[in-house]
Structure formats: structure tokens, C-alpha cells
Amino acid sequence: MFWLTQVTYAQTKIGSKEASHHVGDTLTVCGKLYSKKVIPSTGMVLLNLGGYYPNQDLTIVIKASTMKLFKQPVGKLFEPGQICVFGAVVAYKGKPEIIINNPQQIVRERINSN
């Protein structure tokens, strides 16, 4: 239910390739999750959409304090596939990223098979 509310507020849904053109905007970005990295020293998780690091379209940043809010371990949560993430697009070292503060900001995208 919370996700539906966020999508209503976002009003804009883009593909990960377009994220670099939307720095400063709060919206929903969808794309293929290619890889994930857990940084042992901080517990931070980085998810790469649209390509493998360093050629990703968008990085999703989940700090350790937010990871504690997820119900499953990282390995089960973030398997490769299509996902959508809602949040503010910011630039970090010239690359777009979205920082996750709530697990409900990320959902597995359902693809209709017609």
C-alpha cells in the first residue's frame, strides 16, 4: 500500500538510462539490476542498475542502518532482474544515485507477458 502512495507522488517513471538527466528530481527509476556490493567496513550495500560497475546507469545506496529494516538477507533480496526504486536522484562523483531510507522504496518490477 505504501508503494502505491509513493508512485502517486512520483508522477514520473523513467528507465535507468535516463537517470543522469534527472539529478535533483524525485521520481521512480526502473531498470535491470546487474550487480550488488556489500562494503564490509560500513555494511553499506550498493546496487547497480543498467550495467556493471563502473558502467552502471544508476547506483542505489542502502546504508547499514536502513539494511536492518529489510526482512531478508541481502542475497535473497537483491537477485538480478528488473526493479523500480523511488527517491531523489543525486550526483556522486559524476554518477547518478538514489539513497534508500525505507525498504518500501524498492520493488521488483512486474513485467506483463502478453
Protein backbone atom coordinates (compact mmCIF):
# COMPACT_ATOMS: atom_id res chain seq x y z
CA MET A 1 0.00 0.00 0.00
CA PHE A 2 2.82 2.42 0.86
CA TRP A 3 4.49 1.86 -2.52
CA LEU A 4 1.29 2.82 -4.36
CA THR A 5 1.23 6.08 -2.43
CA GLN A 6 4.83 6.81 -3.39
CA VAL A 7 4.18 6.10 -7.05
CA THR A 8 1.26 8.51 -6.94
CA TYR A 9 3.53 11.25 -5.62
CA ALA A 10 6.35 10.45 -8.03
CA GLN A 11 4.21 11.03 -11.13
CA THR A 12 7.29 10.34 -13.23
CA LYS A 13 8.68 6.89 -14.04
CA ILE A 14 11.84 6.63 -16.11
CA GLY A 15 14.31 3.98 -17.23
CA SER A 16 17.73 3.80 -15.58
CA LYS A 17 19.46 5.17 -18.72
CA GLU A 18 17.61 8.47 -18.20
CA ALA A 19 18.61 8.92 -14.54
CA SER A 20 21.62 11.15 -15.26
CA HIS A 21 19.26 13.71 -16.81
CA HIS A 22 17.14 13.90 -13.65
CA VAL A 23 19.60 14.85 -10.91
CA GLY A 24 17.64 16.83 -8.35
CA ASP A 25 14.32 15.21 -9.24
CA THR A 26 12.34 12.82 -7.04
CA LEU A 27 10.87 10.07 -9.18
CA THR A 28 10.66 6.35 -9.86
CA VAL A 29 13.53 4.76 -11.79
CA CYS A 30 13.19 1.24 -13.22
CA GLY A 31 15.88 -0.94 -14.72
CA LYS A 32 17.75 -4.19 -14.68
CA LEU A 33 19.73 -4.92 -11.53
CA TYR A 34 23.13 -6.12 -12.69
CA SER A 35 25.16 -6.38 -9.52
CA LYS A 36 25.36 -5.68 -5.81
CA LYS A 37 28.24 -5.00 -3.49
CA VAL A 38 28.33 -5.04 0.29
CA ILE A 39 31.06 -2.83 1.74
CA PRO A 40 32.25 -4.80 4.78
CA SER A 41 33.73 -1.83 6.67
CA THR A 42 30.44 0.11 6.68
CA GLY A 43 27.76 -2.51 5.96
CA MET A 44 26.55 -0.31 3.09
CA VAL A 45 25.01 -2.05 0.06
CA LEU A 46 25.42 -0.69 -3.47
CA LEU A 47 23.13 -1.90 -6.26
CA ASN A 48 23.98 -1.20 -9.91
CA LEU A 49 21.16 -0.67 -12.40
CA GLY A 50 21.63 -0.67 -16.16
CA GLY A 51 25.13 -2.13 -16.18
CA TYR A 52 28.01 -3.46 -14.13
CA TYR A 53 30.22 -1.08 -12.14
CA PRO A 54 31.79 1.24 -13.32
CA ASN A 55 29.41 1.45 -16.30
CA GLN A 56 26.13 1.44 -14.37
CA ASP A 57 23.33 3.88 -15.23
CA LEU A 58 22.32 4.36 -11.58
CA THR A 59 23.63 3.30 -8.18
CA ILE A 60 21.19 2.54 -5.38
CA VAL A 61 22.77 3.18 -1.97
CA ILE A 62 21.47 1.42 1.14
CA LYS A 63 23.22 2.33 4.38
CA ALA A 64 23.68 -0.28 7.11
CA SER A 65 21.07 1.37 9.33
CA THR A 66 18.48 1.02 6.54
CA MET A 67 19.54 -2.56 5.70
CA LYS A 68 18.47 -3.53 9.22
CA LEU A 69 14.89 -2.64 8.23
CA PHE A 70 14.79 -5.26 5.45
CA LYS A 71 13.17 -8.58 6.39
CA GLN A 72 15.53 -10.82 4.37
CA PRO A 73 19.32 -11.06 3.89
CA VAL A 74 20.90 -9.11 1.04
CA GLY A 75 21.49 -12.22 -1.09
CA LYS A 76 17.81 -13.12 -1.21
CA LEU A 77 16.56 -9.56 -1.57
CA PHE A 78 18.59 -8.33 -4.48
CA GLU A 79 18.78 -11.02 -7.13
CA PRO A 80 19.38 -9.89 -10.73
CA GLY A 81 16.24 -8.78 -12.52
CA GLN A 82 14.06 -5.74 -13.10
CA ILE A 83 13.47 -3.44 -10.14
CA CYS A 84 11.99 0.01 -9.55
CA VAL A 85 13.26 2.45 -6.96
CA PHE A 86 11.62 5.65 -5.74
CA GLY A 87 13.64 8.59 -4.45
CA ALA A 88 15.64 11.71 -5.14
CA VAL A 89 18.34 11.36 -7.80
CA VAL A 90 21.62 12.88 -6.63
CA ALA A 91 25.07 13.00 -8.23
CA TYR A 92 28.06 11.31 -6.61
CA LYS A 93 31.39 11.57 -8.41
CA GLY A 94 29.56 12.37 -11.64
CA LYS A 95 27.21 9.37 -11.47
CA PRO A 96 23.51 9.38 -10.51
CA GLU A 97 22.40 7.56 -7.38
CA ILE A 98 19.40 7.21 -5.13
CA ILE A 99 19.85 6.77 -1.38
CA ILE A 100 17.31 4.42 0.17
CA ASN A 101 15.88 5.30 3.59
CA ASN A 102 12.99 2.84 3.62
CA PRO A 103 12.76 -0.72 2.21
CA GLN A 104 9.48 0.17 0.51
CA GLN A 105 11.35 2.45 -1.89
CA ILE A 106 12.50 -0.66 -3.82
CA VAL A 107 10.16 -3.11 -5.54
CA ARG A 108 10.64 -5.91 -8.02
CA GLU A 109 9.12 -4.73 -11.29
CA ARG A 110 6.36 -6.94 -12.58
CA ILE A 111 6.63 -7.48 -16.31
CA ASN A 112 3.46 -8.36 -18.20
CA SER A 113 3.94 -11.30 -20.55
CA ASN A 114 1.46 -10.89 -23.38
